[in-house]
C-alpha cells in the first residue's frame, strides 16, 4: 500500500538545512508557495541560494527576512506595484549575490539537471549576460553560418517549493490552471515539497487524471494549506490580493513597518490558521473564485 506523504508545514521545512539551494515555483502573482516560505522563515533559515522562476513576493519575502545569500533569476518583480523592494535594496547594496540569467538559460539549466547532464545547449540571444554570469554560460564551438549557441550549466535545486490546487495524501498533485515552470522545477530538484489548497481522495484524482502534472513518485511531501499561495492567486480557487501586495511594498520602505509586518503575518502567525485569522474572513471571501473545481 502506498504510504501517505501528508505532513505539517513545520515537518515539511524541518529537514531543509541552512545553505540549501531552494527552487520556488509559481509565476509572478500566481501560485507562489507562500505558506511554505513563511514556515521556512519561522524555522530561522539562513544563507539560502534561491532559484525562483519569474517570481515576486516569495523570494522577496525570504530576502527581506534575512534568509538569503544569493539568487539565480530571470527577474523578481512586483509588476504594477514596482520593483521587488527587498531584492532591489539588497542587490544594490551588494549584500545579495545576484546571478542574472535569461529565460533560455534558466530553462536550459533545469533541463540539463533533469537529464543529468552538465549543460544544455541554448541560443545565444546576443546579450552581455554570459560576461556577467560566466559560471552559468559557456561558449560552444560555432560552424560558420550556423546560429551562435551557448551551454547553459545545469541548475539543480536541493529542494523546491511548489503550490497547486489539490492532491491526494500520496502526493499525486493536480493543477487547475497552468503549471508554469513547476513540473520542470520538480523534475530538476533533488526533493519536492508541495502545498495544496485541499487534499482530495485518490478516487477524485483518478476521475480527473489529466490534471495530475506531478505524480506521487515525483513528490516527497505534500502539505494541506488552504490559501497557501496568498497573497498570490491560486487558479480557480482565489484571486491575487492586490491590497495586500500594495501594503507589503509600503511596509517594506521603513524598518519599523517591515518588522511589524513580519511579526503580524510571519513570526506571530505560527500556523496557517493564524495567518488567515490575521487577514480576516471578509477579506478572503472577497478573493474567492466561484469556478468549477472538479471535486
Foldseek 3Di string as FASTA:
>chain_A
DQDFQEDALLVLQVPQAAQFEEEWFDAAQEFTQQQNLLSNLLVPAAAYEYEYEHYEDSVLVCLLSHRHAEYEYQAYQNVVLGRSQSVVVCVVVVSYHYQHDHPQLSLQQLVCLLVVHQWGKDFDPPDCSCVVRVVQWAFDDDDPPDGGIITGGHDEGQEYETEAAEEARLAQGFHPDDRHCVLSNLSNYNAYEYEHQYHDHVVLCVVPVVRRSDGSVSHNHYYHQRVSSPCGHRPLFFHHQVVVVNQQVVLSVDDVSNVVVCCQQRNVQNHSVSNDVSVDPVSRVVGTHNDDPSD
